[in-house]
Amino acid sequence: MPTESTVEQYPKGTHHHAKVWLTGLMALAAFSNCTAYAETSKADAAYPYIMKARAAAGDDLHREFYHRCFVDADYASTIARYRKTHTTIEPAKVFDNLFCLNSGYNSVWILKTTEGLIAFDSFNNPGLALQLIGNGLPKLGLDPNQIKYVVISHEDGDHFGGAQFLKDRYGARLMASEAAWQEMAAGDQQRRPNWFVYAPKRDLIITDGQQFTLGDATVTFYITPGHDPGAISAIFKVTDNGVPHVVGYMGGMGVPAQEPDRNLLIKTYARWQEISAKAGVDTLIANHAAQDSAIDKVEFLRVRRAGDWNPLVLGADAYRRYYEVQKECIRARLVISGQRVEE
């Protein structure tokens, strides 16, 4: 497969174009000598889970089905990674009180309240936080000095990298789970030595089931481990041209490699389905655009007119089915990896 550096160099000259195609053809030739995916015993064992995911996807969630069951599962370091571009997206208003800032790789969501702003995540580093949040919010008519809280979804550097900057520059308080604070403080110098360079100083702790109110907005937090031990998720209300909706924000969705973590994520999703159903969640957002197709949907929202639907609103049933797709695709990945599925 082509390397990331090869693809990044592609626009600089036509010889890179040839290099990408040659590398791809070599990989295809090598693959053609292998046993076809559908003929393996592991694929046979995974097939029922894949079909359950396909059934749950219906006609409206097919993109999510293909992404989780195949693209991210089979090409995580190539196709799935390249879909996380490094082309920044212009900031956008997506609901009356919710705004999207996107680096192409990460999404930061800004919830506007009568007493200030709540930011969900902070991008990879202080530079991006300044560029996309500090300089991006004024484009939306918002003042970055009104950021009162930054919610850190989990302990990966691409989500907390700008948090300390936002606190130092604008006086925001930082919120994360206890497990996330511990992980950020300890770091992982062997696996990701540069991941924790911008780890923030410990501040406020998020607990499971906590209700947090700022002005006219109340956010309910839950600890949702699996992707990372300290991942948190949130539920809060928004309006779209005055019409109320309930947002479900899952703070960690990338599928881990280890069997226990994968099975834990399945359990987390099952619990989240129950929690979100009781709360009446009908709107999906995530912190990576690959998970919720945020870039595509935001671009539509820029041109929609009165009466058009908001594509971030899935409806309660589709929201539930979205996580059914996630669970079954993870089970399929467990089987393909020779790991045990905890039923």
C-alpha atoms as a PDB file:
ATOM      1  CA  MET A   1       0.000   0.000   0.000  1.00  0.00           C
ATOM      2  CA  PRO A   2       1.241   3.573  -0.544  1.00  0.00           C
ATOM      3  CA  THR A   3       2.758   5.198   2.501  1.00  0.00           C
ATOM      4  CA  GLU A   4       1.342   8.345   4.066  1.00  0.00           C
ATOM      5  CA  SER A   5       4.379  10.338   2.965  1.00  0.00           C
ATOM      6  CA  THR A   6       3.903   9.183  -0.615  1.00  0.00           C
ATOM      7  CA  VAL A   7       0.294  10.301  -0.692  1.00  0.00           C
ATOM      8  CA  GLU A   8       1.107  13.635   0.947  1.00  0.00           C
ATOM      9  CA  GLN A   9       3.724  14.295  -1.755  1.00  0.00           C
ATOM     10  CA  TYR A  10       1.368  13.423  -4.602  1.00  0.00           C
ATOM     11  CA  PRO A  11       0.271  16.976  -5.495  1.00  0.00           C
ATOM     12  CA  LYS A  12       3.893  18.152  -5.870  1.00  0.00           C
ATOM     13  CA  GLY A  13       4.470  16.405  -9.201  1.00  0.00           C
ATOM     14  CA  THR A  14       3.237  13.818 -11.638  1.00  0.00           C
ATOM     15  CA  HIS A  15       6.052  11.388 -10.779  1.00  0.00           C
ATOM     16  CA  HIS A  16       4.457  10.976  -7.366  1.00  0.00           C
ATOM     17  CA  HIS A  17       1.191  10.094  -9.085  1.00  0.00           C
ATOM     18  CA  ALA A  18       2.972   7.246 -10.862  1.00  0.00           C
ATOM     19  CA  LYS A  19       4.649   6.177  -7.647  1.00  0.00           C
ATOM     20  CA  VAL A  20       1.339   5.899  -5.824  1.00  0.00           C
ATOM     21  CA  TRP A  21      -0.222   3.805  -8.594  1.00  0.00           C
ATOM     22  CA  LEU A  22       2.835   1.556  -8.920  1.00  0.00           C
ATOM     23  CA  THR A  23       2.894   0.912  -5.207  1.00  0.00           C
ATOM     24  CA  GLY A  24      -0.806   0.160  -5.244  1.00  0.00           C
ATOM     25  CA  LEU A  25      -0.473  -2.266  -8.164  1.00  0.00           C
ATOM     26  CA  MET A  26       2.352  -4.099  -6.394  1.00  0.00           C
ATOM     27  CA  ALA A  27       0.180  -4.458  -3.298  1.00  0.00           C
ATOM     28  CA  LEU A  28      -2.724  -5.696  -5.402  1.00  0.00           C
ATOM     29  CA  ALA A  29      -0.531  -8.270  -7.105  1.00  0.00           C
ATOM     30  CA  ALA A  30       0.700  -9.532  -3.759  1.00  0.00           C
ATOM     31  CA  PHE A  31      -2.853  -9.702  -2.429  1.00  0.00           C
ATOM     32  CA  SER A  32      -4.048 -11.686  -5.457  1.00  0.00           C
ATOM     33  CA  ASN A  33      -1.860 -14.588  -4.346  1.00  0.00           C
ATOM     34  CA  CYS A  34      -3.641 -14.784  -1.006  1.00  0.00           C
ATOM     35  CA  THR A  35      -6.802 -16.685  -0.159  1.00  0.00           C
ATOM     36  CA  ALA A  36      -9.869 -14.593  -0.899  1.00  0.00           C
ATOM     37  CA  TYR A  37     -11.448 -12.992   2.160  1.00  0.00           C
ATOM     38  CA  ALA A  38     -14.816 -14.685   1.621  1.00  0.00           C
ATOM     39  CA  GLU A  39     -13.217 -18.147   1.467  1.00  0.00           C
ATOM     40  CA  THR A  40     -11.569 -18.102   4.887  1.00  0.00           C
ATOM     41  CA  SER A  41     -13.077 -19.863   7.890  1.00  0.00           C
ATOM     42  CA  LYS A  42     -12.720 -16.671   9.940  1.00  0.00           C
ATOM     43  CA  ALA A  43     -14.722 -14.774   7.366  1.00  0.00           C
ATOM     44  CA  ASP A  44     -17.401 -17.435   7.557  1.00  0.00           C
ATOM     45  CA  ALA A  45     -17.552 -16.975  11.329  1.00  0.00           C
ATOM     46  CA  ALA A  46     -17.692 -13.180  10.967  1.00  0.00           C
ATOM     47  CA  TYR A  47     -20.388 -13.248   8.287  1.00  0.00           C
ATOM     48  CA  PRO A  48     -23.412 -13.431  10.660  1.00  0.00           C
ATOM     49  CA  TYR A  49     -22.195 -10.360  12.544  1.00  0.00           C
ATOM     50  CA  ILE A  50     -21.617  -8.484   9.315  1.00  0.00           C
ATOM     51  CA  MET A  51     -25.128  -9.321   8.131  1.00  0.00           C
ATOM     52  CA  LYS A  52     -26.587  -8.162  11.458  1.00  0.00           C
ATOM     53  CA  ALA A  53     -24.743  -4.892  11.038  1.00  0.00           C
ATOM     54  CA  ARG A  54     -26.005  -4.556   7.475  1.00  0.00           C
ATOM     55  CA  ALA A  55     -29.581  -5.181   8.590  1.00  0.00           C
ATOM     56  CA  ALA A  56     -29.256  -2.611  11.381  1.00  0.00           C
ATOM     57  CA  ALA A  57     -27.867  -0.072   8.920  1.00  0.00           C
ATOM     58  CA  GLY A  58     -30.947  -0.251   6.729  1.00  0.00           C
ATOM     59  CA  ASP A  59     -30.968   2.159   3.792  1.00  0.00           C
ATOM     60  CA  ASP A  60     -29.915   5.257   5.731  1.00  0.00           C
ATOM     61  CA  LEU A  61     -26.742   4.144   7.552  1.00  0.00           C
ATOM     62  CA  HIS A  62     -24.951   2.240   4.799  1.00  0.00           C
ATOM     63  CA  ARG A  63     -21.960   4.585   4.870  1.00  0.00           C
ATOM     64  CA  GLU A  64     -21.488   3.975   8.595  1.00  0.00           C
ATOM     65  CA  PHE A  65     -21.772   0.238   8.003  1.00  0.00           C
ATOM     66  CA  TYR A  66     -19.083   0.163   5.316  1.00  0.00           C
ATOM     67  CA  HIS A  67     -16.783   2.420   7.312  1.00  0.00           C
ATOM     68  CA  ARG A  68     -16.887   0.444  10.544  1.00  0.00           C
ATOM     69  CA  CYS A  69     -17.081  -3.077   9.141  1.00  0.00           C
ATOM     70  CA  PHE A  70     -14.612  -2.710   6.266  1.00  0.00           C
ATOM     71  CA  VAL A  71     -12.808   0.567   5.649  1.00  0.00           C
ATOM     72  CA  ASP A  72     -11.668   1.222   9.204  1.00  0.00           C
ATOM     73  CA  ALA A  73     -11.337  -2.482   9.962  1.00  0.00           C
ATOM     74  CA  ASP A  74      -9.229  -3.474   6.953  1.00  0.00           C
ATOM     75  CA  TYR A  75      -7.512  -0.222   5.990  1.00  0.00           C
ATOM     76  CA  ALA A  76      -7.138   1.657   9.266  1.00  0.00           C
ATOM     77  CA  SER A  77      -3.638   2.909   8.485  1.00  0.00           C
ATOM     78  CA  THR A  78      -4.315   3.721   4.834  1.00  0.00           C
ATOM     79  CA  ILE A  79      -7.741   4.583   3.414  1.00  0.00           C
ATOM     80  CA  ALA A  80      -9.358   5.313   6.784  1.00  0.00           C
ATOM     81  CA  ARG A  81      -6.396   7.406   7.829  1.00  0.00           C
ATOM     82  CA  TYR A  82      -6.307   9.391   4.615  1.00  0.00           C
ATOM     83  CA  ARG A  83      -9.984  10.240   5.030  1.00  0.00           C
ATOM     84  CA  LYS A  84      -8.888  12.198   8.077  1.00  0.00           C
ATOM     85  CA  THR A  85      -7.497  15.038   6.036  1.00  0.00           C
ATOM     86  CA  HIS A  86      -5.350  17.916   7.214  1.00  0.00           C
ATOM     87  CA  THR A  87      -7.390  20.459   5.303  1.00  0.00           C
ATOM     88  CA  THR A  88      -9.073  22.770   7.773  1.00  0.00           C
ATOM     89  CA  ILE A  89     -12.788  23.336   7.352  1.00  0.00           C
ATOM     90  CA  GLU A  90     -14.381  26.743   7.745  1.00  0.00           C
ATOM     91  CA  PRO A  91     -16.250  27.038  11.056  1.00  0.00           C
ATOM     92  CA  ALA A  92     -19.998  26.571  10.858  1.00  0.00           C
ATOM     93  CA  LYS A  93     -23.170  27.056  12.835  1.00  0.00           C
ATOM     94  CA  VAL A  94     -25.057  23.747  12.803  1.00  0.00           C
ATOM     95  CA  PHE A  95     -27.820  24.424  15.354  1.00  0.00           C
ATOM     96  CA  ASP A  96     -29.090  27.592  17.013  1.00  0.00           C
ATOM     97  CA  ASN A  97     -26.699  26.968  19.909  1.00  0.00           C
ATOM     98  CA  LEU A  98     -24.121  24.497  18.552  1.00  0.00           C
ATOM     99  CA  PHE A  99     -21.141  25.201  16.306  1.00  0.00           C
ATOM    100  CA  CYS A 100     -18.602  22.999  14.545  1.00  0.00           C
ATOM    101  CA  LEU A 101     -14.881  23.680  14.192  1.00  0.00           C
ATOM    102  CA  ASN A 102     -12.975  21.093  12.200  1.00  0.00           C
ATOM    103  CA  SER A 103      -9.327  20.539  11.327  1.00  0.00           C
ATOM    104  CA  GLY A 104     -10.216  17.865   8.785  1.00  0.00           C
ATOM    105  CA  TYR A 105      -8.902  15.345  11.291  1.00  0.00           C
ATOM    106  CA  ASN A 106     -10.720  16.365  14.471  1.00  0.00           C
ATOM    107  CA  SER A 107     -13.975  18.082  15.331  1.00  0.00           C
ATOM    108  CA  VAL A 108     -14.397  20.551  18.169  1.00  0.00           C
ATOM    109  CA  TRP A 109     -17.988  21.370  19.063  1.00  0.00           C
ATOM    110  CA  ILE A 110     -18.944  24.621  20.765  1.00  0.00           C
ATOM    111  CA  LEU A 111     -22.126  24.733  22.842  1.00  0.00           C
ATOM    112  CA  LYS A 112     -23.386  28.270  23.374  1.00  0.00           C
ATOM    113  CA  THR A 113     -25.165  29.032  26.652  1.00  0.00           C
ATOM    114  CA  THR A 114     -26.492  32.205  28.241  1.00  0.00           C
ATOM    115  CA  GLU A 115     -23.412  32.292  30.502  1.00  0.00           C
ATOM    116  CA  GLY A 116     -20.656  31.411  28.070  1.00  0.00           C
ATOM    117  CA  LEU A 117     -19.307  28.668  25.821  1.00  0.00           C
ATOM    118  CA  ILE A 118     -18.494  25.011  26.408  1.00  0.00           C
ATOM    119  CA  ALA A 119     -15.894  23.512  24.062  1.00  0.00           C
ATOM    120  CA  PHE A 120     -15.801  19.779  23.477  1.00  0.00           C
ATOM    121  CA  ASP A 121     -12.092  19.004  22.850  1.00  0.00           C
ATOM    122  CA  SER A 122      -9.306  21.348  21.785  1.00  0.00           C
ATOM    123  CA  PHE A 123      -7.428  19.952  18.731  1.00  0.00           C
ATOM    124  CA  ASN A 124      -3.871  18.599  18.628  1.00  0.00           C
ATOM    125  CA  ASN A 125      -1.766  21.489  19.863  1.00  0.00           C
ATOM    126  CA  PRO A 126      -1.791  25.158  20.933  1.00  0.00           C
ATOM    127  CA  GLY A 127      -1.203  26.363  17.372  1.00  0.00           C
ATOM    128  CA  LEU A 128      -4.316  24.667  16.023  1.00  0.00           C
ATOM    129  CA  ALA A 129      -6.307  25.753  19.074  1.00  0.00           C
ATOM    130  CA  LEU A 130      -5.401  29.371  18.342  1.00  0.00           C
ATOM    131  CA  GLN A 131      -5.964  29.069  14.597  1.00  0.00           C
ATOM    132  CA  LEU A 132      -9.236  27.167  14.624  1.00  0.00           C
ATOM    133  CA  ILE A 133     -10.786  28.092  17.975  1.00  0.00           C
ATOM    134  CA  GLY A 134      -9.265  31.435  18.949  1.00  0.00           C
ATOM    135  CA  ASN A 135      -9.435  32.829  15.420  1.00  0.00           C
ATOM    136  CA  GLY A 136     -12.363  30.689  14.271  1.00  0.00           C
ATOM    137  CA  LEU A 137     -14.983  31.654  16.831  1.00  0.00           C
ATOM    138  CA  PRO A 138     -15.060  35.354  15.844  1.00  0.00           C
ATOM    139  CA  LYS A 139     -16.034  34.236  12.331  1.00  0.00           C
ATOM    140  CA  LEU A 140     -19.181  32.836  13.937  1.00  0.00           C
ATOM    141  CA  GLY A 141     -19.825  35.945  15.991  1.00  0.00           C
ATOM    142  CA  LEU A 142     -18.518  34.265  19.149  1.00  0.00           C
ATOM    143  CA  ASP A 143     -15.897  35.518  21.575  1.00  0.00           C
ATOM    144  CA  PRO A 144     -13.185  32.987  22.565  1.00  0.00           C
ATOM    145  CA  ASN A 145     -12.892  34.829  25.887  1.00  0.00           C
ATOM    146  CA  GLN A 146     -16.352  33.418  26.608  1.00  0.00           C
ATOM    147  CA  ILE A 147     -15.063  29.831  26.644  1.00  0.00           C
ATOM    148  CA  LYS A 148     -15.824  28.874  30.220  1.00  0.00           C
ATOM    149  CA  TYR A 149     -15.142  25.136  30.043  1.00  0.00           C
ATOM    150  CA  VAL A 150     -13.244  22.711  27.831  1.00  0.00           C
ATOM    151  CA  VAL A 151     -14.464  19.108  27.986  1.00  0.00           C
ATOM    152  CA  ILE A 152     -11.677  16.647  27.180  1.00  0.00           C
ATOM    153  CA  SER A 153     -13.311  13.607  25.610  1.00  0.00           C
ATOM    154  CA  HIS A 154     -10.418  11.243  26.306  1.00  0.00           C
ATOM    155  CA  GLU A 155      -6.695  10.991  26.908  1.00  0.00           C
ATOM    156  CA  ASP A 156      -5.343  11.075  23.346  1.00  0.00           C
ATOM    157  CA  GLY A 157      -3.202  14.031  22.359  1.00  0.00           C
ATOM    158  CA  ASP A 158      -5.282  14.981  19.334  1.00  0.00           C
ATOM    159  CA  HIS A 159      -8.140  15.787  21.714  1.00  0.00           C
ATOM    160  CA  PHE A 160      -6.416  17.534  24.621  1.00  0.00           C
ATOM    161  CA  GLY A 161      -3.441  19.156  22.854  1.00  0.00           C
ATOM    162  CA  GLY A 162      -4.878  22.679  22.904  1.00  0.00           C
ATOM    163  CA  ALA A 163      -6.646  22.494  26.274  1.00  0.00           C
ATOM    164  CA  GLN A 164      -3.964  24.078  28.454  1.00  0.00           C
ATOM    165  CA  PHE A 165      -3.567  26.863  25.904  1.00  0.00           C
ATOM    166  CA  LEU A 166      -7.295  27.632  26.075  1.00  0.00           C
ATOM    167  CA  LYS A 167      -7.089  27.761  29.842  1.00  0.00           C
ATOM    168  CA  ASP A 168      -4.024  30.006  29.890  1.00  0.00           C
ATOM    169  CA  ARG A 169      -5.199  32.295  27.086  1.00  0.00           C
ATOM    170  CA  TYR A 170      -8.925  32.592  27.766  1.00  0.00           C
ATOM    171  CA  GLY A 171      -9.343  31.440  31.365  1.00  0.00           C
ATOM    172  CA  ALA A 172     -11.325  28.306  30.540  1.00  0.00           C
ATOM    173  CA  ARG A 173     -11.651  25.528  33.123  1.00  0.00           C
ATOM    174  CA  LEU A 174     -10.754  22.023  31.948  1.00  0.00           C
ATOM    175  CA  MET A 175     -12.903  18.945  32.530  1.00  0.00           C
ATOM    176  CA  ALA A 176     -11.944  15.280  32.142  1.00  0.00           C
ATOM    177  CA  SER A 177     -12.566  11.955  33.824  1.00  0.00           C
ATOM    178  CA  GLU A 178     -10.300  10.790  36.623  1.00  0.00           C
ATOM    179  CA  ALA A 179      -8.893   8.023  34.434  1.00  0.00           C
ATOM    180  CA  ALA A 180      -8.129  10.533  31.683  1.00  0.00           C
ATOM    181  CA  TRP A 181      -6.352  12.877  34.088  1.00  0.00           C
ATOM    182  CA  GLN A 182      -4.225   9.990  35.329  1.00  0.00           C
ATOM    183  CA  GLU A 183      -3.372   8.834  31.817  1.00  0.00           C
ATOM    184  CA  MET A 184      -2.499  12.346  30.663  1.00  0.00           C
ATOM    185  CA  ALA A 185      -0.246  12.872  33.680  1.00  0.00           C
ATOM    186  CA  ALA A 186       1.536   9.540  33.229  1.00  0.00           C
ATOM    187  CA  GLY A 187       1.858   9.678  29.446  1.00  0.00           C
ATOM    188  CA  ASP A 188       3.037   6.787  27.318  1.00  0.00           C
ATOM    189  CA  GLN A 189       6.672   7.453  26.546  1.00  0.00           C
ATOM    190  CA  GLN A 190       7.276   4.090  24.888  1.00  0.00           C
ATOM    191  CA  ARG A 191       4.306   3.848  22.553  1.00  0.00           C
ATOM    192  CA  ARG A 192       3.652   7.539  21.861  1.00  0.00           C
ATOM    193  CA  PRO A 193       6.504   9.675  23.223  1.00  0.00           C
ATOM    194  CA  ASN A 194       5.252  12.900  21.608  1.00  0.00           C
ATOM    195  CA  TRP A 195       1.557  12.323  22.270  1.00  0.00           C
ATOM    196  CA  PHE A 196       1.604  13.914  25.731  1.00  0.00           C
ATOM    197  CA  VAL A 197       3.788  16.962  25.112  1.00  0.00           C
ATOM    198  CA  TYR A 198       0.823  19.278  25.623  1.00  0.00           C
ATOM    199  CA  ALA A 199      -0.865  17.357  28.437  1.00  0.00           C
ATOM    200  CA  PRO A 200      -2.858  19.849  30.546  1.00  0.00           C
ATOM    201  CA  LYS A 201      -2.595  20.304  34.287  1.00  0.00           C
ATOM    202  CA  ARG A 202      -5.246  18.566  36.364  1.00  0.00           C
ATOM    203  CA  ASP A 203      -8.433  20.577  36.815  1.00  0.00           C
ATOM    204  CA  LEU A 204     -12.088  19.510  37.154  1.00  0.00           C
ATOM    205  CA  ILE A 205     -13.153  15.851  37.291  1.00  0.00           C
ATOM    206  CA  ILE A 206     -16.100  14.454  35.332  1.00  0.00           C
ATOM    207  CA  THR A 207     -18.031  11.633  36.995  1.00  0.00           C
ATOM    208  CA  ASP A 208     -20.463   9.103  35.582  1.00  0.00           C
ATOM    209  CA  GLY A 209     -24.010  10.439  35.440  1.00  0.00           C
ATOM    210  CA  GLN A 210     -22.905  13.960  36.402  1.00  0.00           C
ATOM    211  CA  GLN A 211     -25.212  16.801  35.417  1.00  0.00           C
ATOM    212  CA  PHE A 212     -23.373  20.015  34.684  1.00  0.00           C
ATOM    213  CA  THR A 213     -25.248  23.277  34.137  1.00  0.00           C
ATOM    214  CA  LEU A 214     -23.985  26.512  32.628  1.00  0.00           C
ATOM    215  CA  GLY A 215     -26.617  29.160  32.015  1.00  0.00           C
ATOM    216  CA  ASP A 216     -29.540  27.675  30.117  1.00  0.00           C
ATOM    217  CA  ALA A 217     -27.711  24.460  29.148  1.00  0.00           C
ATOM    218  CA  THR A 218     -27.368  21.241  31.106  1.00  0.00           C
ATOM    219  CA  VAL A 219     -24.903  18.567  29.994  1.00  0.00           C
ATOM    220  CA  THR A 220     -25.111  15.063  31.403  1.00  0.00           C
ATOM    221  CA  PHE A 221     -21.812  13.189  31.346  1.00  0.00           C
ATOM    222  CA  TYR A 222     -21.112   9.457  31.326  1.00  0.00           C
ATOM    223  CA  ILE A 223     -17.891   7.476  31.556  1.00  0.00           C
ATOM    224  CA  THR A 224     -17.735   5.371  28.391  1.00  0.00           C
ATOM    225  CA  PRO A 225     -14.508   3.306  28.331  1.00  0.00           C
ATOM    226  CA  GLY A 226     -13.313   1.034  25.558  1.00  0.00           C
ATOM    227  CA  HIS A 227     -11.555   3.287  23.093  1.00  0.00           C
ATOM    228  CA  ASP A 228      -9.622   4.614  26.088  1.00  0.00           C
ATOM    229  CA  PRO A 229     -10.186   4.048  29.824  1.00  0.00           C
ATOM    230  CA  GLY A 230     -11.008   7.702  30.447  1.00  0.00           C
ATOM    231  CA  ALA A 231     -13.381   8.345  27.558  1.00  0.00           C
ATOM    232  CA  ILE A 232     -16.490  10.355  28.422  1.00  0.00           C
ATOM    233  CA  SER A 233     -19.680  10.989  26.495  1.00  0.00           C
ATOM    234  CA  ALA A 234     -22.363  13.637  26.851  1.00  0.00           C
ATOM    235  CA  ILE A 235     -26.019  14.350  26.254  1.00  0.00           C
ATOM    236  CA  PHE A 236     -27.422  17.867  25.898  1.00  0.00           C
ATOM    237  CA  LYS A 237     -30.236  19.756  24.193  1.00  0.00           C
ATOM    238  CA  VAL A 238     -30.052  21.990  21.134  1.00  0.00           C
ATOM    239  CA  THR A 239     -32.556  23.734  18.903  1.00  0.00           C
ATOM    240  CA  ASP A 240     -32.677  23.977  15.128  1.00  0.00           C
ATOM    241  CA  ASN A 241     -34.608  27.067  14.059  1.00  0.00           C
ATOM    242  CA  GLY A 242     -36.366  26.760  17.374  1.00  0.00           C
ATOM    243  CA  VAL A 243     -37.143  23.043  17.032  1.00  0.00           C
ATOM    244  CA  PRO A 244     -35.710  21.080  19.996  1.00  0.00           C
ATOM    245  CA  HIS A 245     -33.383  18.109  19.593  1.00  0.00           C
ATOM    246  CA  VAL A 246     -31.220  16.036  21.924  1.00  0.00           C
ATOM    247  CA  VAL A 247     -27.565  15.464  21.068  1.00  0.00           C
ATOM    248  CA  GLY A 248     -25.663  12.314  21.931  1.00  0.00           C
ATOM    249  CA  TYR A 249     -21.889  12.896  21.822  1.00  0.00           C
ATOM    250  CA  MET A 250     -19.751   9.747  22.066  1.00  0.00           C
ATOM    251  CA  GLY A 251     -16.258  10.707  23.216  1.00  0.00           C
ATOM    252  CA  GLY A 252     -14.254   7.723  21.997  1.00  0.00           C
ATOM    253  CA  MET A 253     -15.140   5.571  18.994  1.00  0.00           C
ATOM    254  CA  GLY A 254     -11.957   4.270  17.415  1.00  0.00           C
ATOM    255  CA  VAL A 255     -11.829   0.493  17.839  1.00  0.00           C
ATOM    256  CA  PRO A 256      -8.860  -0.624  19.978  1.00  0.00           C
ATOM    257  CA  ALA A 257      -6.657  -3.584  19.112  1.00  0.00           C
ATOM    258  CA  GLN A 258      -6.852  -5.644  22.284  1.00  0.00           C
ATOM    259  CA  GLU A 259      -9.591  -8.215  22.836  1.00  0.00           C
ATOM    260  CA  PRO A 260     -10.665  -7.008  26.329  1.00  0.00           C
ATOM    261  CA  ASP A 261     -10.924  -3.412  25.149  1.00  0.00           C
ATOM    262  CA  ARG A 262     -12.969  -4.361  22.108  1.00  0.00           C
ATOM    263  CA  ASN A 263     -15.424  -6.347  24.188  1.00  0.00           C
ATOM    264  CA  LEU A 264     -15.582  -3.506  26.698  1.00  0.00           C
ATOM    265  CA  LEU A 265     -16.425  -1.053  23.915  1.00  0.00           C
ATOM    266  CA  ILE A 266     -19.291  -3.302  22.807  1.00  0.00           C
ATOM    267  CA  LYS A 267     -20.654  -3.246  26.373  1.00  0.00           C
ATOM    268  CA  THR A 268     -20.220   0.521  26.496  1.00  0.00           C
ATOM    269  CA  TYR A 269     -22.208   0.913  23.278  1.00  0.00           C
ATOM    270  CA  ALA A 270     -24.981  -1.314  24.619  1.00  0.00           C
ATOM    271  CA  ARG A 271     -25.203   0.789  27.772  1.00  0.00           C
ATOM    272  CA  TRP A 272     -25.108   3.969  25.698  1.00  0.00           C
ATOM    273  CA  GLN A 273     -28.032   2.747  23.615  1.00  0.00           C
ATOM    274  CA  GLU A 274     -30.110   2.433  26.780  1.00  0.00           C
ATOM    275  CA  ILE A 275     -28.991   5.793  28.184  1.00  0.00           C
ATOM    276  CA  SER A 276     -29.524   7.680  24.935  1.00  0.00           C
ATOM    277  CA  ALA A 277     -32.935   6.093  24.324  1.00  0.00           C
ATOM    278  CA  LYS A 278     -34.171   7.167  27.763  1.00  0.00           C
ATOM    279  CA  ALA A 279     -32.871  10.690  27.127  1.00  0.00           C
ATOM    280  CA  GLY A 280     -34.598  10.907  23.741  1.00  0.00           C
ATOM    281  CA  VAL A 281     -31.366  11.393  21.785  1.00  0.00           C
ATOM    282  CA  ASP A 282     -31.973  11.923  18.081  1.00  0.00           C
ATOM    283  CA  THR A 283     -28.812  13.763  16.988  1.00  0.00           C
ATOM    284  CA  LEU A 284     -25.359  12.275  16.372  1.00  0.00           C
ATOM    285  CA  ILE A 285     -22.051  14.096  16.707  1.00  0.00           C
ATOM    286  CA  ALA A 286     -18.556  12.742  17.297  1.00  0.00           C
ATOM    287  CA  ASN A 287     -15.035  14.105  17.678  1.00  0.00           C
ATOM    288  CA  HIS A 288     -13.794  12.678  14.365  1.00  0.00           C
ATOM    289  CA  ALA A 289     -15.633  13.489  11.154  1.00  0.00           C
ATOM    290  CA  ALA A 290     -15.092   9.927   9.914  1.00  0.00           C
ATOM    291  CA  GLN A 291     -17.484   8.760  12.625  1.00  0.00           C
ATOM    292  CA  ASP A 292     -20.402  11.096  11.937  1.00  0.00           C
ATOM    293  CA  SER A 293     -19.680  12.383   8.396  1.00  0.00           C
ATOM    294  CA  ALA A 294     -19.550  15.851   9.901  1.00  0.00           C
ATOM    295  CA  ILE A 295     -17.707  17.482   7.014  1.00  0.00           C
ATOM    296  CA  ASP A 296     -20.259  16.328   4.442  1.00  0.00           C
ATOM    297  CA  LYS A 297     -23.176  17.353   6.626  1.00  0.00           C
ATOM    298  CA  VAL A 298     -21.729  20.719   7.613  1.00  0.00           C
ATOM    299  CA  GLU A 299     -21.193  21.620   3.971  1.00  0.00           C
ATOM    300  CA  PHE A 300     -24.846  20.874   3.260  1.00  0.00           C
ATOM    301  CA  LEU A 301     -25.892  22.994   6.242  1.00  0.00           C
ATOM    302  CA  ARG A 302     -24.112  25.969   4.696  1.00  0.00           C
ATOM    303  CA  VAL A 303     -26.473  25.933   1.719  1.00  0.00           C
ATOM    304  CA  ARG A 304     -29.738  24.580   3.129  1.00  0.00           C
ATOM    305  CA  ARG A 305     -32.825  26.742   3.151  1.00  0.00           C
ATOM    306  CA  ALA A 306     -35.817  27.093   5.446  1.00  0.00           C
ATOM    307  CA  GLY A 307     -37.652  23.821   5.734  1.00  0.00           C
ATOM    308  CA  ASP A 308     -34.667  21.628   4.781  1.00  0.00           C
ATOM    309  CA  TRP A 309     -33.740  18.869   7.168  1.00  0.00           C
ATOM    310  CA  ASN A 310     -30.657  18.923   9.368  1.00  0.00           C
ATOM    311  CA  PRO A 311     -28.559  15.845   8.466  1.00  0.00           C
ATOM    312  CA  LEU A 312     -27.033  15.695  11.944  1.00  0.00           C
ATOM    313  CA  VAL A 313     -30.500  14.724  13.187  1.00  0.00           C
ATOM    314  CA  LEU A 314     -30.848  10.992  12.584  1.00  0.00           C
ATOM    315  CA  GLY A 315     -33.944  10.320  14.656  1.00  0.00           C
ATOM    316  CA  ALA A 316     -34.119   8.142  17.759  1.00  0.00           C
ATOM    317  CA  ASP A 317     -34.401   4.827  15.919  1.00  0.00           C
ATOM    318  CA  ALA A 318     -31.519   5.509  13.531  1.00  0.00           C
ATOM    319  CA  TYR A 319     -29.387   6.697  16.445  1.00  0.00           C
ATOM    320  CA  ARG A 320     -29.974   3.354  18.185  1.00  0.00           C
ATOM    321  CA  ARG A 321     -29.263   1.432  14.992  1.00  0.00           C
ATOM    322  CA  TYR A 322     -26.045   3.384  14.464  1.00  0.00           C
ATOM    323  CA  TYR A 323     -24.637   1.810  17.619  1.00  0.00           C
ATOM    324  CA  GLU A 324     -26.016  -1.578  16.672  1.00  0.00           C
ATOM    325  CA  VAL A 325     -23.892  -1.309  13.519  1.00  0.00           C
ATOM    326  CA  GLN A 326     -20.863  -0.386  15.640  1.00  0.00           C
ATOM    327  CA  LYS A 327     -21.323  -3.368  17.969  1.00  0.00           C
ATOM    328  CA  GLU A 328     -21.790  -5.975  15.252  1.00  0.00           C
ATOM    329  CA  CYS A 329     -18.854  -4.695  13.198  1.00  0.00           C
ATOM    330  CA  ILE A 330     -16.604  -4.879  16.251  1.00  0.00           C
ATOM    331  CA  ARG A 331     -17.748  -8.463  16.844  1.00  0.00           C
ATOM    332  CA  ALA A 332     -16.875  -9.264  13.240  1.00  0.00           C
ATOM    333  CA  ARG A 333     -13.450  -7.718  13.723  1.00  0.00           C
ATOM    334  CA  LEU A 334     -12.887  -9.786  16.861  1.00  0.00           C
ATOM    335  CA  VAL A 335     -13.586 -12.985  14.926  1.00  0.00           C
ATOM    336  CA  ILE A 336     -11.420 -11.992  11.960  1.00  0.00           C
ATOM    337  CA  SER A 337      -8.598 -11.224  14.426  1.00  0.00           C
ATOM    338  CA  GLY A 338      -8.894 -14.645  16.060  1.00  0.00           C
ATOM    339  CA  GLN A 339     -10.198 -13.082  19.274  1.00  0.00           C
ATOM    340  CA  ARG A 340     -13.076 -14.131  21.476  1.00  0.00           C
ATOM    341  CA  VAL A 341     -16.476 -12.479  21.303  1.00  0.00           C
ATOM    342  CA  GLU A 342     -18.109 -12.021  24.702  1.00  0.00           C
ATOM    343  CA  GLU A 343     -21.785 -12.548  24.008  1.00  0.00           C
END
